[in-house]
Amino acid sequence: MNPFTRSALALVPLACTLTPLAAQTREYDQEEMAKSFAEMQAEPWFENGGWLLDFDAAKAEAEKTGKPIFAYFTRTYAY
């Protein structure tokens, strides 16, 4: 067995141990998230950016203009 295979096999128990921890979901305060999202939407970079928040509207605009949709997903407002 080559050293790389031996090293990779040694990591299997660690991966099996950490996988359930990574799969756990974190609960968020929905009111706090909504407040943070509203604050983010009031920022000048967001307010003046011409962003579309409705996917159907974005698809219609993309079809009308022949431009692709640029989607940016973030969770900066989530705690």
PDB file of N, CA and C in Angstrom:
ATOM      1  N   MET A   1       0.858  -1.176   0.000  1.00  0.00           N
ATOM      2  CA  MET A   1       0.000   0.000   0.000  1.00  0.00           C
ATOM      3  C   MET A   1       0.904   1.238   0.000  1.00  0.00           C
ATOM      4  N   ASN A   2       0.610   2.170  -0.904  1.00  0.00           N
ATOM      5  CA  ASN A   2       1.464   3.362  -0.965  1.00  0.00           C
ATOM      6  C   ASN A   2       1.122   4.308   0.185  1.00  0.00           C
ATOM      7  N   PRO A   3       2.034   5.217   0.509  1.00  0.00           N
ATOM      8  CA  PRO A   3       1.818   6.121   1.660  1.00  0.00           C
ATOM      9  C   PRO A   3       0.583   7.010   1.508  1.00  0.00           C
ATOM     10  N   PHE A   4       0.270   7.416   0.283  1.00  0.00           N
ATOM     11  CA  PHE A   4      -0.907   8.268   0.085  1.00  0.00           C
ATOM     12  C   PHE A   4      -2.187   7.523   0.441  1.00  0.00           C
ATOM     13  N   THR A   5      -2.299   6.284  -0.007  1.00  0.00           N
ATOM     14  CA  THR A   5      -3.479   5.477   0.292  1.00  0.00           C
ATOM     15  C   THR A   5      -3.602   5.255   1.789  1.00  0.00           C
ATOM     16  N   ARG A   6      -2.483   4.971   2.439  1.00  0.00           N
ATOM     17  CA  ARG A   6      -2.478   4.737   3.884  1.00  0.00           C
ATOM     18  C   ARG A   6      -2.939   6.003   4.612  1.00  0.00           C
ATOM     19  N   SER A   7      -2.455   7.171   4.169  1.00  0.00           N
ATOM     20  CA  SER A   7      -2.854   8.438   4.802  1.00  0.00           C
ATOM     21  C   SER A   7      -4.336   8.720   4.585  1.00  0.00           C
ATOM     22  N   ALA A   8      -4.804   8.451   3.361  1.00  0.00           N
ATOM     23  CA  ALA A   8      -6.216   8.690   3.060  1.00  0.00           C
ATOM     24  C   ALA A   8      -7.107   7.777   3.890  1.00  0.00           C
ATOM     25  N   LEU A   9      -6.715   6.532   4.035  1.00  0.00           N
ATOM     26  CA  LEU A   9      -7.505   5.592   4.832  1.00  0.00           C
ATOM     27  C   LEU A   9      -7.509   5.978   6.307  1.00  0.00           C
ATOM     28  N   ALA A  10      -6.431   6.587   6.760  1.00  0.00           N
ATOM     29  CA  ALA A  10      -6.360   7.013   8.163  1.00  0.00           C
ATOM     30  C   ALA A  10      -7.350   8.141   8.441  1.00  0.00           C
ATOM     31  N   LEU A  11      -7.744   8.890   7.426  1.00  0.00           N
ATOM     32  CA  LEU A  11      -8.678   9.999   7.610  1.00  0.00           C
ATOM     33  C   LEU A  11     -10.140   9.562   7.622  1.00  0.00           C
ATOM     34  N   VAL A  12     -10.419   8.338   7.202  1.00  0.00           N
ATOM     35  CA  VAL A  12     -11.807   7.864   7.141  1.00  0.00           C
ATOM     36  C   VAL A  12     -12.492   7.923   8.509  1.00  0.00           C
ATOM     37  N   PRO A  13     -11.878   7.427   9.586  1.00  0.00           N
ATOM     38  CA  PRO A  13     -12.564   7.529  10.893  1.00  0.00           C
ATOM     39  C   PRO A  13     -12.840   8.976  11.306  1.00  0.00           C
ATOM     40  N   LEU A  14     -11.916   9.876  10.986  1.00  0.00           N
ATOM     41  CA  LEU A  14     -12.112  11.283  11.312  1.00  0.00           C
ATOM     42  C   LEU A  14     -13.303  11.845  10.536  1.00  0.00           C
ATOM     43  N   ALA A  15     -13.398  11.535   9.261  1.00  0.00           N
ATOM     44  CA  ALA A  15     -14.515  11.996   8.448  1.00  0.00           C
ATOM     45  C   ALA A  15     -15.835  11.439   8.967  1.00  0.00           C
ATOM     46  N   CYS A  16     -15.834  10.181   9.380  1.00  0.00           N
ATOM     47  CA  CYS A  16     -17.055   9.570   9.914  1.00  0.00           C
ATOM     48  C   CYS A  16     -17.473  10.221  11.227  1.00  0.00           C
ATOM     49  N   THR A  17     -16.520  10.697  11.984  1.00  0.00           N
ATOM     50  CA  THR A  17     -16.807  11.357  13.254  1.00  0.00           C
ATOM     51  C   THR A  17     -17.339  12.765  13.026  1.00  0.00           C
ATOM     52  N   LEU A  18     -16.765  13.504  12.078  1.00  0.00           N
ATOM     53  CA  LEU A  18     -17.130  14.897  11.875  1.00  0.00           C
ATOM     54  C   LEU A  18     -18.383  15.090  11.030  1.00  0.00           C
ATOM     55  N   THR A  19     -18.730  14.130  10.197  1.00  0.00           N
ATOM     56  CA  THR A  19     -19.873  14.282   9.300  1.00  0.00           C
ATOM     57  C   THR A  19     -21.179  14.561  10.048  1.00  0.00           C
ATOM     58  N   PRO A  20     -21.511  13.824  11.102  1.00  0.00           N
ATOM     59  CA  PRO A  20     -22.760  14.150  11.811  1.00  0.00           C
ATOM     60  C   PRO A  20     -22.745  15.544  12.423  1.00  0.00           C
ATOM     61  N   LEU A  21     -21.575  16.001  12.870  1.00  0.00           N
ATOM     62  CA  LEU A  21     -21.496  17.349  13.434  1.00  0.00           C
ATOM     63  C   LEU A  21     -21.755  18.399  12.364  1.00  0.00           C
ATOM     64  N   ALA A  22     -21.225  18.194  11.172  1.00  0.00           N
ATOM     65  CA  ALA A  22     -21.411  19.146  10.085  1.00  0.00           C
ATOM     66  C   ALA A  22     -22.845  19.140   9.580  1.00  0.00           C
ATOM     67  N   ALA A  23     -23.529  18.015   9.718  1.00  0.00           N
ATOM     68  CA  ALA A  23     -24.893  17.892   9.213  1.00  0.00           C
ATOM     69  C   ALA A  23     -25.933  18.525  10.139  1.00  0.00           C
ATOM     70  N   GLN A  24     -25.537  18.850  11.355  1.00  0.00           N
ATOM     71  CA  GLN A  24     -26.488  19.443  12.280  1.00  0.00           C
ATOM     72  C   GLN A  24     -26.922  20.816  11.773  1.00  0.00           C
ATOM     73  N   THR A  25     -28.182  21.115  11.918  1.00  0.00           N
ATOM     74  CA  THR A  25     -28.669  22.415  11.483  1.00  0.00           C
ATOM     75  C   THR A  25     -28.708  23.368  12.666  1.00  0.00           C
ATOM     76  N   ARG A  26     -28.452  24.600  12.370  1.00  0.00           N
ATOM     77  CA  ARG A  26     -28.474  25.633  13.390  1.00  0.00           C
ATOM     78  C   ARG A  26     -29.806  26.358  13.296  1.00  0.00           C
ATOM     79  N   GLU A  27     -30.407  26.626  14.405  1.00  0.00           N
ATOM     80  CA  GLU A  27     -31.663  27.358  14.405  1.00  0.00           C
ATOM     81  C   GLU A  27     -31.368  28.849  14.532  1.00  0.00           C
ATOM     82  N   TYR A  28     -32.086  29.637  13.733  1.00  0.00           N
ATOM     83  CA  TYR A  28     -31.887  31.076  13.718  1.00  0.00           C
ATOM     84  C   TYR A  28     -33.138  31.779  14.210  1.00  0.00           C
ATOM     85  N   ASP A  29     -32.949  32.901  14.846  1.00  0.00           N
ATOM     86  CA  ASP A  29     -34.050  33.739  15.280  1.00  0.00           C
ATOM     87  C   ASP A  29     -34.595  34.435  14.036  1.00  0.00           C
ATOM     88  N   GLN A  30     -35.757  34.032  13.580  1.00  0.00           N
ATOM     89  CA  GLN A  30     -36.320  34.537  12.337  1.00  0.00           C
ATOM     90  C   GLN A  30     -36.592  36.041  12.385  1.00  0.00           C
ATOM     91  N   GLU A  31     -37.010  36.546  13.515  1.00  0.00           N
ATOM     92  CA  GLU A  31     -37.262  37.980  13.634  1.00  0.00           C
ATOM     93  C   GLU A  31     -35.963  38.771  13.501  1.00  0.00           C
ATOM     94  N   GLU A  32     -34.906  38.276  14.118  1.00  0.00           N
ATOM     95  CA  GLU A  32     -33.604  38.949  14.038  1.00  0.00           C
ATOM     96  C   GLU A  32     -33.065  38.900  12.604  1.00  0.00           C
ATOM     97  N   MET A  33     -33.268  37.776  11.929  1.00  0.00           N
ATOM     98  CA  MET A  33     -32.825  37.663  10.542  1.00  0.00           C
ATOM     99  C   MET A  33     -33.592  38.634   9.650  1.00  0.00           C
ATOM    100  N   ALA A  34     -34.902  38.746   9.846  1.00  0.00           N
ATOM    101  CA  ALA A  34     -35.721  39.670   9.054  1.00  0.00           C
ATOM    102  C   ALA A  34     -35.282  41.113   9.289  1.00  0.00           C
ATOM    103  N   LYS A  35     -34.972  41.437  10.536  1.00  0.00           N
ATOM    104  CA  LYS A  35     -34.511  42.789  10.873  1.00  0.00           C
ATOM    105  C   LYS A  35     -33.171  43.069  10.186  1.00  0.00           C
ATOM    106  N   SER A  36     -32.258  42.122  10.244  1.00  0.00           N
ATOM    107  CA  SER A  36     -30.948  42.295   9.616  1.00  0.00           C
ATOM    108  C   SER A  36     -31.075  42.423   8.106  1.00  0.00           C
ATOM    109  N   PHE A  37     -31.974  41.640   7.509  1.00  0.00           N
ATOM    110  CA  PHE A  37     -32.175  41.710   6.071  1.00  0.00           C
ATOM    111  C   PHE A  37     -32.745  43.072   5.678  1.00  0.00           C
ATOM    112  N   ALA A  38     -33.683  43.572   6.462  1.00  0.00           N
ATOM    113  CA  ALA A  38     -34.263  44.890   6.189  1.00  0.00           C
ATOM    114  C   ALA A  38     -33.197  45.981   6.301  1.00  0.00           C
ATOM    115  N   GLU A  39     -32.317  45.862   7.286  1.00  0.00           N
ATOM    116  CA  GLU A  39     -31.230  46.834   7.439  1.00  0.00           C
ATOM    117  C   GLU A  39     -30.293  46.783   6.239  1.00  0.00           C
ATOM    118  N   MET A  40     -29.990  45.576   5.758  1.00  0.00           N
ATOM    119  CA  MET A  40     -29.109  45.429   4.602  1.00  0.00           C
ATOM    120  C   MET A  40     -29.752  46.070   3.376  1.00  0.00           C
ATOM    121  N   GLN A  41     -31.068  45.896   3.213  1.00  0.00           N
ATOM    122  CA  GLN A  41     -31.758  46.460   2.060  1.00  0.00           C
ATOM    123  C   GLN A  41     -31.769  47.988   2.083  1.00  0.00           C
ATOM    124  N   ALA A  42     -31.577  48.587   3.243  1.00  0.00           N
ATOM    125  CA  ALA A  42     -31.569  50.043   3.366  1.00  0.00           C
ATOM    126  C   ALA A  42     -30.185  50.633   3.087  1.00  0.00           C
ATOM    127  N   GLU A  43     -29.175  49.798   2.970  1.00  0.00           N
ATOM    128  CA  GLU A  43     -27.814  50.273   2.693  1.00  0.00           C
ATOM    129  C   GLU A  43     -27.762  50.874   1.284  1.00  0.00           C
ATOM    130  N   PRO A  44     -26.985  51.953   1.093  1.00  0.00           N
ATOM    131  CA  PRO A  44     -26.909  52.594  -0.226  1.00  0.00           C
ATOM    132  C   PRO A  44     -26.473  51.648  -1.353  1.00  0.00           C
ATOM    133  N   TRP A  45     -25.530  50.764  -1.078  1.00  0.00           N
ATOM    134  CA  TRP A  45     -25.047  49.863  -2.140  1.00  0.00           C
ATOM    135  C   TRP A  45     -26.159  48.930  -2.606  1.00  0.00           C
ATOM    136  N   PHE A  46     -27.068  48.599  -1.701  1.00  0.00           N
ATOM    137  CA  PHE A  46     -28.163  47.701  -2.049  1.00  0.00           C
ATOM    138  C   PHE A  46     -29.316  48.478  -2.673  1.00  0.00           C
ATOM    139  N   GLU A  47     -29.651  49.579  -2.028  1.00  0.00           N
ATOM    140  CA  GLU A  47     -30.793  50.377  -2.455  1.00  0.00           C
ATOM    141  C   GLU A  47     -30.596  50.956  -3.857  1.00  0.00           C
ATOM    142  N   ASN A  48     -29.367  51.357  -4.184  1.00  0.00           N
ATOM    143  CA  ASN A  48     -29.082  52.009  -5.464  1.00  0.00           C
ATOM    144  C   ASN A  48     -28.507  51.041  -6.497  1.00  0.00           C
ATOM    145  N   GLY A  49     -28.505  49.767  -6.194  1.00  0.00           N
ATOM    146  CA  GLY A  49     -27.869  48.795  -7.078  1.00  0.00           C
ATOM    147  C   GLY A  49     -28.740  48.303  -8.212  1.00  0.00           C
ATOM    148  N   GLY A  50     -30.026  48.572  -8.177  1.00  0.00           N
ATOM    149  CA  GLY A  50     -30.903  48.103  -9.229  1.00  0.00           C
ATOM    150  C   GLY A  50     -31.160  46.602  -9.168  1.00  0.00           C
ATOM    151  N   TRP A  51     -31.051  46.029  -7.984  1.00  0.00           N
ATOM    152  CA  TRP A  51     -31.226  44.594  -7.804  1.00  0.00           C
ATOM    153  C   TRP A  51     -32.688  44.205  -7.967  1.00  0.00           C
ATOM    154  N   LEU A  52     -32.911  43.053  -8.505  1.00  0.00           N
ATOM    155  CA  LEU A  52     -34.259  42.484  -8.560  1.00  0.00           C
ATOM    156  C   LEU A  52     -34.306  41.347  -7.552  1.00  0.00           C
ATOM    157  N   LEU A  53     -35.288  41.368  -6.700  1.00  0.00           N
ATOM    158  CA  LEU A  53     -35.406  40.327  -5.682  1.00  0.00           C
ATOM    159  C   LEU A  53     -36.397  39.246  -6.075  1.00  0.00           C
ATOM    160  N   ASP A  54     -37.125  39.475  -7.144  1.00  0.00           N
ATOM    161  CA  ASP A  54     -38.118  38.525  -7.622  1.00  0.00           C
ATOM    162  C   ASP A  54     -37.520  37.761  -8.809  1.00  0.00           C
ATOM    163  N   PHE A  55     -37.360  36.437  -8.674  1.00  0.00           N
ATOM    164  CA  PHE A  55     -36.719  35.637  -9.704  1.00  0.00           C
ATOM    165  C   PHE A  55     -37.508  35.659 -11.015  1.00  0.00           C
ATOM    166  N   ASP A  56     -38.829  35.618 -10.925  1.00  0.00           N
ATOM    167  CA  ASP A  56     -39.640  35.666 -12.148  1.00  0.00           C
ATOM    168  C   ASP A  56     -39.444  36.996 -12.878  1.00  0.00           C
ATOM    169  N   ALA A  57     -39.363  38.083 -12.125  1.00  0.00           N
ATOM    170  CA  ALA A  57     -39.115  39.392 -12.734  1.00  0.00           C
ATOM    171  C   ALA A  57     -37.730  39.427 -13.368  1.00  0.00           C
ATOM    172  N   ALA A  58     -36.759  38.816 -12.721  1.00  0.00           N
ATOM    173  CA  ALA A  58     -35.397  38.764 -13.263  1.00  0.00           C
ATOM    174  C   ALA A  58     -35.356  37.948 -14.554  1.00  0.00           C
ATOM    175  N   LYS A  59     -36.090  36.834 -14.585  1.00  0.00           N
ATOM    176  CA  LYS A  59     -36.148  36.029 -15.810  1.00  0.00           C
ATOM    177  C   LYS A  59     -36.784  36.818 -16.946  1.00  0.00           C
ATOM    178  N   ALA A  60     -37.851  37.538 -16.657  1.00  0.00           N
ATOM    179  CA  ALA A  60     -38.524  38.340 -17.683  1.00  0.00           C
ATOM    180  C   ALA A  60     -37.599  39.438 -18.196  1.00  0.00           C
ATOM    181  N   GLU A  61     -36.889  40.091 -17.294  1.00  0.00           N
ATOM    182  CA  GLU A  61     -35.955  41.149 -17.679  1.00  0.00           C
ATOM    183  C   GLU A  61     -34.811  40.584 -18.519  1.00  0.00           C
ATOM    184  N   ALA A  62     -34.308  39.426 -18.136  1.00  0.00           N
ATOM    185  CA  ALA A  62     -33.219  38.785 -18.890  1.00  0.00           C
ATOM    186  C   ALA A  62     -33.678  38.413 -20.291  1.00  0.00           C
ATOM    187  N   GLU A  63     -34.894  37.925 -20.395  1.00  0.00           N
ATOM    188  CA  GLU A  63     -35.424  37.557 -21.705  1.00  0.00           C
ATOM    189  C   GLU A  63     -35.626  38.806 -22.575  1.00  0.00           C
ATOM    190  N   LYS A  64     -36.121  39.878 -21.952  1.00  0.00           N
ATOM    191  CA  LYS A  64     -36.380  41.122 -22.677  1.00  0.00           C
ATOM    192  C   LYS A  64     -35.081  41.766 -23.178  1.00  0.00           C
ATOM    193  N   THR A  65     -34.042  41.767 -22.327  1.00  0.00           N
ATOM    194  CA  THR A  65     -32.794  42.454 -22.672  1.00  0.00           C
ATOM    195  C   THR A  65     -31.769  41.545 -23.347  1.00  0.00           C
ATOM    196  N   GLY A  66     -31.987  40.230 -23.271  1.00  0.00           N
ATOM    197  CA  GLY A  66     -31.014  39.295 -23.841  1.00  0.00           C
ATOM    198  C   GLY A  66     -29.767  39.148 -22.996  1.00  0.00           C
ATOM    199  N   LYS A  67     -29.838  39.605 -21.771  1.00  0.00           N
ATOM    200  CA  LYS A  67     -28.695  39.511 -20.859  1.00  0.00           C
ATOM    201  C   LYS A  67     -28.889  38.332 -19.919  1.00  0.00           C
ATOM    202  N   PRO A  68     -27.780  37.765 -19.437  1.00  0.00           N
ATOM    203  CA  PRO A  68     -27.905  36.661 -18.479  1.00  0.00           C
ATOM    204  C   PRO A  68     -28.289  37.178 -17.091  1.00  0.00           C
ATOM    205  N   ILE A  69     -28.723  36.269 -16.259  1.00  0.00           N
ATOM    206  CA  ILE A  69     -29.045  36.596 -14.868  1.00  0.00           C
ATOM    207  C   ILE A  69     -27.789  36.394 -14.035  1.00  0.00           C
ATOM    208  N   PHE A  70     -27.440  37.391 -13.258  1.00  0.00           N
ATOM    209  CA  PHE A  70     -26.355  37.271 -12.301  1.00  0.00           C
ATOM    210  C   PHE A  70     -27.007  37.097 -10.936  1.00  0.00           C
ATOM    211  N   ALA A  71     -26.814  35.950 -10.342  1.00  0.00           N
ATOM    212  CA  ALA A  71     -27.415  35.670  -9.032  1.00  0.00           C
ATOM    213  C   ALA A  71     -26.320  35.656  -7.979  1.00  0.00           C
ATOM    214  N   TYR A  72     -26.547  36.371  -6.923  1.00  0.00           N
ATOM    215  CA  TYR A  72     -25.586  36.443  -5.828  1.00  0.00           C
ATOM    216  C   TYR A  72     -26.297  35.983  -4.559  1.00  0.00           C
ATOM    217  N   PHE A  73     -25.815  34.886  -4.001  1.00  0.00           N
ATOM    218  CA  PHE A  73     -26.418  34.326  -2.796  1.00  0.00           C
ATOM    219  C   PHE A  73     -25.488  34.572  -1.627  1.00  0.00           C
ATOM    220  N   THR A  74     -26.040  35.074  -0.561  1.00  0.00           N
ATOM    221  CA  THR A  74     -25.234  35.341   0.624  1.00  0.00           C
ATOM    222  C   THR A  74     -26.086  35.172   1.859  1.00  0.00           C
ATOM    223  N   ARG A  75     -25.418  35.058   2.965  1.00  0.00           N
ATOM    224  CA  ARG A  75     -26.124  34.970   4.245  1.00  0.00           C
ATOM    225  C   ARG A  75     -25.505  35.946   5.221  1.00  0.00           C
ATOM    226  N   THR A  76     -25.040  37.077   4.723  1.00  0.00           N
ATOM    227  CA  THR A  76     -24.382  38.027   5.607  1.00  0.00           C
ATOM    228  C   THR A  76     -25.333  38.608   6.641  1.00  0.00           C
ATOM    229  N   TYR A  77     -26.641  38.518   6.377  1.00  0.00           N
ATOM    230  CA  TYR A  77     -27.602  39.056   7.323  1.00  0.00           C
ATOM    231  C   TYR A  77     -28.015  38.028   8.354  1.00  0.00           C
ATOM    232  N   ALA A  78     -27.547  36.789   8.204  1.00  0.00           N
ATOM    233  CA  ALA A  78     -27.911  35.720   9.143  1.00  0.00           C
ATOM    234  C   ALA A  78     -26.856  35.615  10.229  1.00  0.00           C
ATOM    235  N   TYR A  79     -27.299  35.277  11.403  1.00  0.00           N
ATOM    236  CA  TYR A  79     -26.363  35.128  12.521  1.00  0.00           C
ATOM    237  C   TYR A  79     -26.160  33.669  12.833  1.00  0.00           C
TER     238      TYR A  79
END
